[in-house]
Amino acid sequence: MVRTTVSLAELPEGHTGTIRDIDAASPTSQRLMDMGFVPGTQIRAIKKAPMGDPTTFEIRGYQVGLRRSESILIDVELKPDVK
């Protein structure tokens, strides 16, 4: 069985997913939702920094960089192998 839901931190560079859930227990979650990270929204991992942190994502027509500690709070459903 193939795992289709991963944390945003695990989304491979160049791949697209759909946000499924955000850890509401974190104080950062409200800020992320205010920035447009809401369930049902498509997101694409554009580029990871050389050491893997932060990662640049494209969401709702803009690009934003998130640290791993922030992106791990967001669960995404992977799209089929389409870039």
PDB file of N, CA and C in Angstrom:
ATOM      1  N   MET A   1       0.840  -1.185   0.000  1.00  0.00           N
ATOM      2  CA  MET A   1       0.000   0.000   0.000  1.00  0.00           C
ATOM      3  C   MET A   1       0.885   1.248   0.000  1.00  0.00           C
ATOM      4  N   VAL A   2       0.572   2.183  -0.858  1.00  0.00           N
ATOM      5  CA  VAL A   2       1.363   3.403  -1.000  1.00  0.00           C
ATOM      6  C   VAL A   2       0.817   4.468  -0.057  1.00  0.00           C
ATOM      7  N   ARG A   3       1.711   5.106   0.658  1.00  0.00           N
ATOM      8  CA  ARG A   3       1.329   6.177   1.577  1.00  0.00           C
ATOM      9  C   ARG A   3       1.040   7.433   0.772  1.00  0.00           C
ATOM     10  N   THR A   4      -0.169   7.996   0.916  1.00  0.00           N
ATOM     11  CA  THR A   4      -0.535   9.168   0.125  1.00  0.00           C
ATOM     12  C   THR A   4      -0.583  10.447   0.944  1.00  0.00           C
ATOM     13  N   THR A   5      -0.496  10.355   2.263  1.00  0.00           N
ATOM     14  CA  THR A   5      -0.497  11.545   3.108  1.00  0.00           C
ATOM     15  C   THR A   5       0.838  11.640   3.840  1.00  0.00           C
ATOM     16  N   VAL A   6       1.478  12.809   3.719  1.00  0.00           N
ATOM     17  CA  VAL A   6       2.763  13.052   4.365  1.00  0.00           C
ATOM     18  C   VAL A   6       2.722  14.447   4.989  1.00  0.00           C
ATOM     19  N   SER A   7       3.714  14.746   5.815  1.00  0.00           N
ATOM     20  CA  SER A   7       3.810  16.118   6.314  1.00  0.00           C
ATOM     21  C   SER A   7       4.346  16.981   5.177  1.00  0.00           C
ATOM     22  N   LEU A   8       4.058  18.257   5.213  1.00  0.00           N
ATOM     23  CA  LEU A   8       4.526  19.176   4.183  1.00  0.00           C
ATOM     24  C   LEU A   8       6.050  19.157   4.097  1.00  0.00           C
ATOM     25  N   ALA A   9       6.714  18.907   5.213  1.00  0.00           N
ATOM     26  CA  ALA A   9       8.176  18.836   5.235  1.00  0.00           C
ATOM     27  C   ALA A   9       8.699  17.687   4.377  1.00  0.00           C
ATOM     28  N   GLU A  10       7.875  16.670   4.142  1.00  0.00           N
ATOM     29  CA  GLU A  10       8.281  15.499   3.361  1.00  0.00           C
ATOM     30  C   GLU A  10       7.874  15.587   1.894  1.00  0.00           C
ATOM     31  N   LEU A  11       7.156  16.645   1.506  1.00  0.00           N
ATOM     32  CA  LEU A  11       6.723  16.798   0.115  1.00  0.00           C
ATOM     33  C   LEU A  11       7.952  16.959  -0.767  1.00  0.00           C
ATOM     34  N   PRO A  12       8.145  16.062  -1.736  1.00  0.00           N
ATOM     35  CA  PRO A  12       9.346  16.148  -2.571  1.00  0.00           C
ATOM     36  C   PRO A  12       9.386  17.429  -3.395  1.00  0.00           C
ATOM     37  N   GLU A  13      10.570  17.927  -3.602  1.00  0.00           N
ATOM     38  CA  GLU A  13      10.779  19.138  -4.402  1.00  0.00           C
ATOM     39  C   GLU A  13      10.166  18.952  -5.791  1.00  0.00           C
ATOM     40  N   GLY A  14       9.372  19.936  -6.221  1.00  0.00           N
ATOM     41  CA  GLY A  14       8.732  19.883  -7.529  1.00  0.00           C
ATOM     42  C   GLY A  14       7.386  19.196  -7.551  1.00  0.00           C
ATOM     43  N   HIS A  15       6.973  18.569  -6.459  1.00  0.00           N
ATOM     44  CA  HIS A  15       5.704  17.857  -6.406  1.00  0.00           C
ATOM     45  C   HIS A  15       4.604  18.726  -5.790  1.00  0.00           C
ATOM     46  N   THR A  16       3.378  18.377  -6.125  1.00  0.00           N
ATOM     47  CA  THR A  16       2.206  19.104  -5.652  1.00  0.00           C
ATOM     48  C   THR A  16       1.382  18.208  -4.732  1.00  0.00           C
ATOM     49  N   GLY A  17       0.754  18.826  -3.750  1.00  0.00           N
ATOM     50  CA  GLY A  17      -0.135  18.116  -2.851  1.00  0.00           C
ATOM     51  C   GLY A  17      -1.300  19.016  -2.463  1.00  0.00           C
ATOM     52  N   THR A  18      -2.245  18.439  -1.749  1.00  0.00           N
ATOM     53  CA  THR A  18      -3.395  19.181  -1.247  1.00  0.00           C
ATOM     54  C   THR A  18      -3.353  19.144   0.272  1.00  0.00           C
ATOM     55  N   ILE A  19      -3.458  20.303   0.895  1.00  0.00           N
ATOM     56  CA  ILE A  19      -3.424  20.369   2.355  1.00  0.00           C
ATOM     57  C   ILE A  19      -4.652  19.644   2.910  1.00  0.00           C
ATOM     58  N   ARG A  20      -4.425  18.733   3.848  1.00  0.00           N
ATOM     59  CA  ARG A  20      -5.498  17.965   4.466  1.00  0.00           C
ATOM     60  C   ARG A  20      -5.765  18.382   5.905  1.00  0.00           C
ATOM     61  N   ASP A  21      -4.713  18.724   6.645  1.00  0.00           N
ATOM     62  CA  ASP A  21      -4.890  19.007   8.072  1.00  0.00           C
ATOM     63  C   ASP A  21      -3.741  19.872   8.573  1.00  0.00           C
ATOM     64  N   ILE A  22      -4.038  20.668   9.604  1.00  0.00           N
ATOM     65  CA  ILE A  22      -3.018  21.475  10.274  1.00  0.00           C
ATOM     66  C   ILE A  22      -3.119  21.200  11.766  1.00  0.00           C
ATOM     67  N   ASP A  23      -1.985  21.032  12.422  1.00  0.00           N
ATOM     68  CA  ASP A  23      -1.959  20.763  13.864  1.00  0.00           C
ATOM     69  C   ASP A  23      -2.442  21.996  14.620  1.00  0.00           C
ATOM     70  N   ALA A  24      -3.691  21.970  15.042  1.00  0.00           N
ATOM     71  CA  ALA A  24      -4.300  23.131  15.694  1.00  0.00           C
ATOM     72  C   ALA A  24      -3.750  23.379  17.102  1.00  0.00           C
ATOM     73  N   ALA A  25      -3.050  22.412  17.666  1.00  0.00           N
ATOM     74  CA  ALA A  25      -2.513  22.575  19.020  1.00  0.00           C
ATOM     75  C   ALA A  25      -1.288  23.488  19.035  1.00  0.00           C
ATOM     76  N   SER A  26      -0.708  23.724  17.895  1.00  0.00           N
ATOM     77  CA  SER A  26       0.494  24.559  17.825  1.00  0.00           C
ATOM     78  C   SER A  26       0.126  26.041  17.770  1.00  0.00           C
ATOM     79  N   PRO A  27       0.874  26.901  18.471  1.00  0.00           N
ATOM     80  CA  PRO A  27       0.601  28.335  18.403  1.00  0.00           C
ATOM     81  C   PRO A  27       0.869  28.916  17.012  1.00  0.00           C
ATOM     82  N   THR A  28       1.651  28.240  16.203  1.00  0.00           N
ATOM     83  CA  THR A  28       1.979  28.693  14.854  1.00  0.00           C
ATOM     84  C   THR A  28       0.845  28.430  13.869  1.00  0.00           C
ATOM     85  N   SER A  29      -0.040  27.498  14.191  1.00  0.00           N
ATOM     86  CA  SER A  29      -1.068  27.070  13.233  1.00  0.00           C
ATOM     87  C   SER A  29      -1.996  28.203  12.797  1.00  0.00           C
ATOM     88  N   GLN A  30      -2.373  29.084  13.686  1.00  0.00           N
ATOM     89  CA  GLN A  30      -3.269  30.188  13.308  1.00  0.00           C
ATOM     90  C   GLN A  30      -2.582  31.133  12.326  1.00  0.00           C
ATOM     91  N   ARG A  31      -1.312  31.393  12.527  1.00  0.00           N
ATOM     92  CA  ARG A  31      -0.564  32.249  11.599  1.00  0.00           C
ATOM     93  C   ARG A  31      -0.488  31.596  10.222  1.00  0.00           C
ATOM     94  N   LEU A  32      -0.254  30.278  10.181  1.00  0.00           N
ATOM     95  CA  LEU A  32      -0.198  29.568   8.908  1.00  0.00           C
ATOM     96  C   LEU A  32      -1.549  29.621   8.186  1.00  0.00           C
ATOM     97  N   MET A  33      -2.633  29.442   8.929  1.00  0.00           N
ATOM     98  CA  MET A  33      -3.959  29.507   8.315  1.00  0.00           C
ATOM     99  C   MET A  33      -4.253  30.912   7.799  1.00  0.00           C
ATOM    100  N   ASP A  34      -3.817  31.936   8.518  1.00  0.00           N
ATOM    101  CA  ASP A  34      -3.991  33.316   8.059  1.00  0.00           C
ATOM    102  C   ASP A  34      -3.228  33.575   6.761  1.00  0.00           C
ATOM    103  N   MET A  35      -2.146  32.840   6.546  1.00  0.00           N
ATOM    104  CA  MET A  35      -1.338  32.985   5.337  1.00  0.00           C
ATOM    105  C   MET A  35      -1.902  32.180   4.166  1.00  0.00           C
ATOM    106  N   GLY A  36      -2.981  31.431   4.389  1.00  0.00           N
ATOM    107  CA  GLY A  36      -3.615  30.676   3.311  1.00  0.00           C
ATOM    108  C   GLY A  36      -3.409  29.179   3.362  1.00  0.00           C
ATOM    109  N   PHE A  37      -2.743  28.688   4.382  1.00  0.00           N
ATOM    110  CA  PHE A  37      -2.535  27.248   4.530  1.00  0.00           C
ATOM    111  C   PHE A  37      -3.770  26.630   5.173  1.00  0.00           C
ATOM    112  N   VAL A  38      -4.797  26.421   4.365  1.00  0.00           N
ATOM    113  CA  VAL A  38      -6.059  25.865   4.858  1.00  0.00           C
ATOM    114  C   VAL A  38      -6.352  24.555   4.126  1.00  0.00           C
ATOM    115  N   PRO A  39      -7.046  23.636   4.781  1.00  0.00           N
ATOM    116  CA  PRO A  39      -7.374  22.361   4.145  1.00  0.00           C
ATOM    117  C   PRO A  39      -8.071  22.557   2.804  1.00  0.00           C
ATOM    118  N   GLY A  40      -7.682  21.721   1.834  1.00  0.00           N
ATOM    119  CA  GLY A  40      -8.246  21.782   0.495  1.00  0.00           C
ATOM    120  C   GLY A  40      -7.440  22.615  -0.485  1.00  0.00           C
ATOM    121  N   THR A  41      -6.434  23.325  -0.008  1.00  0.00           N
ATOM    122  CA  THR A  41      -5.617  24.200  -0.851  1.00  0.00           C
ATOM    123  C   THR A  41      -4.449  23.420  -1.453  1.00  0.00           C
ATOM    124  N   GLN A  42      -4.196  23.624  -2.741  1.00  0.00           N
ATOM    125  CA  GLN A  42      -3.054  22.984  -3.386  1.00  0.00           C
ATOM    126  C   GLN A  42      -1.773  23.721  -3.034  1.00  0.00           C
ATOM    127  N   ILE A  43      -0.701  22.954  -2.902  1.00  0.00           N
ATOM    128  CA  ILE A  43       0.599  23.525  -2.566  1.00  0.00           C
ATOM    129  C   ILE A  43       1.678  22.738  -3.297  1.00  0.00           C
ATOM    130  N   ARG A  44       2.723  23.435  -3.720  1.00  0.00           N
ATOM    131  CA  ARG A  44       3.824  22.802  -4.447  1.00  0.00           C
ATOM    132  C   ARG A  44       5.136  23.158  -3.786  1.00  0.00           C
ATOM    133  N   ALA A  45       5.974  22.152  -3.584  1.00  0.00           N
ATOM    134  CA  ALA A  45       7.324  22.376  -3.056  1.00  0.00           C
ATOM    135  C   ALA A  45       8.203  22.813  -4.218  1.00  0.00           C
ATOM    136  N   ILE A  46       8.745  24.018  -4.138  1.00  0.00           N
ATOM    137  CA  ILE A  46       9.541  24.560  -5.237  1.00  0.00           C
ATOM    138  C   ILE A  46      11.014  24.229  -5.076  1.00  0.00           C
ATOM    139  N   LYS A  47      11.582  24.586  -3.943  1.00  0.00           N
ATOM    140  CA  LYS A  47      13.031  24.430  -3.765  1.00  0.00           C
ATOM    141  C   LYS A  47      13.365  24.298  -2.292  1.00  0.00           C
ATOM    142  N   LYS A  48      14.247  23.353  -1.992  1.00  0.00           N
ATOM    143  CA  LYS A  48      14.763  23.213  -0.632  1.00  0.00           C
ATOM    144  C   LYS A  48      16.136  23.854  -0.565  1.00  0.00           C
ATOM    145  N   ALA A  49      16.436  24.472   0.548  1.00  0.00           N
ATOM    146  CA  ALA A  49      17.765  25.047   0.758  1.00  0.00           C
ATOM    147  C   ALA A  49      18.796  23.916   0.766  1.00  0.00           C
ATOM    148  N   PRO A  50      20.054  24.226   0.529  1.00  0.00           N
ATOM    149  CA  PRO A  50      21.084  23.173   0.467  1.00  0.00           C
ATOM    150  C   PRO A  50      21.108  22.247   1.684  1.00  0.00           C
ATOM    151  N   MET A  51      20.854  22.752   2.845  1.00  0.00           N
ATOM    152  CA  MET A  51      20.836  21.903   4.040  1.00  0.00           C
ATOM    153  C   MET A  51      19.434  21.377   4.342  1.00  0.00           C
ATOM    154  N   GLY A  52      18.467  21.657   3.463  1.00  0.00           N
ATOM    155  CA  GLY A  52      17.111  21.129   3.618  1.00  0.00           C
ATOM    156  C   GLY A  52      16.169  22.006   4.420  1.00  0.00           C
ATOM    157  N   ASP A  53      16.629  23.145   4.883  1.00  0.00           N
ATOM    158  CA  ASP A  53      15.785  24.011   5.705  1.00  0.00           C
ATOM    159  C   ASP A  53      16.203  25.460   5.488  1.00  0.00           C
ATOM    160  N   PRO A  54      15.354  26.348   5.060  1.00  0.00           N
ATOM    161  CA  PRO A  54      13.907  26.217   4.823  1.00  0.00           C
ATOM    162  C   PRO A  54      13.606  25.694   3.417  1.00  0.00           C
ATOM    163  N   THR A  55      12.312  25.506   3.143  1.00  0.00           N
ATOM    164  CA  THR A  55      11.824  25.095   1.834  1.00  0.00           C
ATOM    165  C   THR A  55      10.899  26.185   1.313  1.00  0.00           C
ATOM    166  N   THR A  56      10.970  26.454   0.012  1.00  0.00           N
ATOM    167  CA  THR A  56      10.082  27.416  -0.620  1.00  0.00           C
ATOM    168  C   THR A  56       8.904  26.658  -1.219  1.00  0.00           C
ATOM    169  N   PHE A  57       7.694  27.148  -0.918  1.00  0.00           N
ATOM    170  CA  PHE A  57       6.467  26.542  -1.421  1.00  0.00           C
ATOM    171  C   PHE A  57       5.697  27.573  -2.229  1.00  0.00           C
ATOM    172  N   GLU A  58       4.900  27.086  -3.181  1.00  0.00           N
ATOM    173  CA  GLU A  58       3.979  27.948  -3.914  1.00  0.00           C
ATOM    174  C   GLU A  58       2.569  27.581  -3.484  1.00  0.00           C
ATOM    175  N   ILE A  59       1.828  28.590  -3.015  1.00  0.00           N
ATOM    176  CA  ILE A  59       0.462  28.398  -2.550  1.00  0.00           C
ATOM    177  C   ILE A  59      -0.340  29.643  -2.894  1.00  0.00           C
ATOM    178  N   ARG A  60      -1.506  29.452  -3.468  1.00  0.00           N
ATOM    179  CA  ARG A  60      -2.416  30.552  -3.815  1.00  0.00           C
ATOM    180  C   ARG A  60      -1.747  31.663  -4.627  1.00  0.00           C
ATOM    181  N   GLY A  61      -0.832  31.283  -5.520  1.00  0.00           N
ATOM    182  CA  GLY A  61      -0.216  32.255  -6.412  1.00  0.00           C
ATOM    183  C   GLY A  61       0.977  33.007  -5.847  1.00  0.00           C
ATOM    184  N   TYR A  62       1.412  32.690  -4.664  1.00  0.00           N
ATOM    185  CA  TYR A  62       2.604  33.344  -4.128  1.00  0.00           C
ATOM    186  C   TYR A  62       3.568  32.304  -3.573  1.00  0.00           C
ATOM    187  N   GLN A  63       4.802  32.701  -3.351  1.00  0.00           N
ATOM    188  CA  GLN A  63       5.813  31.808  -2.812  1.00  0.00           C
ATOM    189  C   GLN A  63       6.139  32.209  -1.382  1.00  0.00           C
ATOM    190  N   VAL A  64       6.315  31.197  -0.552  1.00  0.00           N
ATOM    191  CA  VAL A  64       6.627  31.441   0.854  1.00  0.00           C
ATOM    192  C   VAL A  64       7.640  30.395   1.311  1.00  0.00           C
ATOM    193  N   GLY A  65       8.560  30.831   2.150  1.00  0.00           N
ATOM    194  CA  GLY A  65       9.544  29.918   2.723  1.00  0.00           C
ATOM    195  C   GLY A  65       9.124  29.528   4.126  1.00  0.00           C
ATOM    196  N   LEU A  66       9.157  28.230   4.410  1.00  0.00           N
ATOM    197  CA  LEU A  66       8.827  27.737   5.747  1.00  0.00           C
ATOM    198  C   LEU A  66       9.971  26.893   6.283  1.00  0.00           C
ATOM    199  N   ARG A  67      10.211  27.035   7.560  1.00  0.00           N
ATOM    200  CA  ARG A  67      11.183  26.179   8.230  1.00  0.00           C
ATOM    201  C   ARG A  67      10.564  24.796   8.411  1.00  0.00           C
ATOM    202  N   ARG A  68      11.391  23.817   8.603  1.00  0.00           N
ATOM    203  CA  ARG A  68      10.905  22.449   8.816  1.00  0.00           C
ATOM    204  C   ARG A  68       9.988  22.391  10.035  1.00  0.00           C
ATOM    205  N   SER A  69      10.307  23.130  11.085  1.00  0.00           N
ATOM    206  CA  SER A  69       9.493  23.105  12.304  1.00  0.00           C
ATOM    207  C   SER A  69       8.074  23.623  12.046  1.00  0.00           C
ATOM    208  N   GLU A  70       7.906  24.452  11.031  1.00  0.00           N
ATOM    209  CA  GLU A  70       6.580  24.957  10.657  1.00  0.00           C
ATOM    210  C   GLU A  70       5.887  24.002   9.682  1.00  0.00           C
ATOM    211  N   SER A  71       6.629  23.530   8.695  1.00  0.00           N
ATOM    212  CA  SER A  71       6.008  22.688   7.673  1.00  0.00           C
ATOM    213  C   SER A  71       5.637  21.304   8.188  1.00  0.00           C
ATOM    214  N   ILE A  72       6.241  20.878   9.274  1.00  0.00           N
ATOM    215  CA  ILE A  72       5.904  19.565   9.838  1.00  0.00           C
ATOM    216  C   ILE A  72       4.505  19.571  10.464  1.00  0.00           C
ATOM    217  N   LEU A  73       3.955  20.755  10.729  1.00  0.00           N
ATOM    218  CA  LEU A  73       2.621  20.876  11.324  1.00  0.00           C
ATOM    219  C   LEU A  73       1.495  20.655  10.318  1.00  0.00           C
ATOM    220  N   ILE A  74       1.823  20.595   9.031  1.00  0.00           N
ATOM    221  CA  ILE A  74       0.820  20.535   7.970  1.00  0.00           C
ATOM    222  C   ILE A  74       0.877  19.175   7.282  1.00  0.00           C
ATOM    223  N   ASP A  75      -0.268  18.497   7.188  1.00  0.00           N
ATOM    224  CA  ASP A  75      -0.361  17.230   6.466  1.00  0.00           C
ATOM    225  C   ASP A  75      -0.904  17.492   5.075  1.00  0.00           C
ATOM    226  N   VAL A  76      -0.291  16.859   4.080  1.00  0.00           N
ATOM    227  CA  VAL A  76      -0.735  17.011   2.693  1.00  0.00           C
ATOM    228  C   VAL A  76      -0.978  15.647   2.065  1.00  0.00           C
ATOM    229  N   GLU A  77      -1.929  15.631   1.129  1.00  0.00           N
ATOM    230  CA  GLU A  77      -2.183  14.434   0.340  1.00  0.00           C
ATOM    231  C   GLU A  77      -1.429  14.601  -0.965  1.00  0.00           C
ATOM    232  N   LEU A  78      -0.596  13.624  -1.293  1.00  0.00           N
ATOM    233  CA  LEU A  78       0.204  13.693  -2.505  1.00  0.00           C
ATOM    234  C   LEU A  78      -0.669  13.525  -3.743  1.00  0.00           C
ATOM    235  N   LYS A  79      -0.343  14.280  -4.768  1.00  0.00           N
ATOM    236  CA  LYS A  79      -0.972  14.122  -6.073  1.00  0.00           C
ATOM    237  C   LYS A  79      -0.253  12.974  -6.772  1.00  0.00           C
ATOM    238  N   PRO A  80      -0.889  12.369  -7.793  1.00  0.00           N
ATOM    239  CA  PRO A  80      -0.165  11.354  -8.566  1.00  0.00           C
ATOM    240  C   PRO A  80       1.121  11.951  -9.130  1.00  0.00           C
ATOM    241  N   ASP A  81       2.011  11.146  -9.590  1.00  0.00           N
ATOM    242  CA  ASP A  81       3.352  11.553 -10.002  1.00  0.00           C
ATOM    243  C   ASP A  81       3.337  12.586 -11.139  1.00  0.00           C
ATOM    244  N   VAL A  82       2.792  13.754 -10.856  1.00  0.00           N
ATOM    245  CA  VAL A  82       2.722  14.848 -11.834  1.00  0.00           C
ATOM    246  C   VAL A  82       3.433  16.031 -11.239  1.00  0.00           C
ATOM    247  N   LYS A  83       4.306  16.661 -12.003  1.00  0.00           N
ATOM    248  CA  LYS A  83       5.038  17.826 -11.497  1.00  0.00           C
ATOM    249  C   LYS A  83       4.374  19.090 -11.929  1.00  0.00           C
TER     250      LYS A  83
END
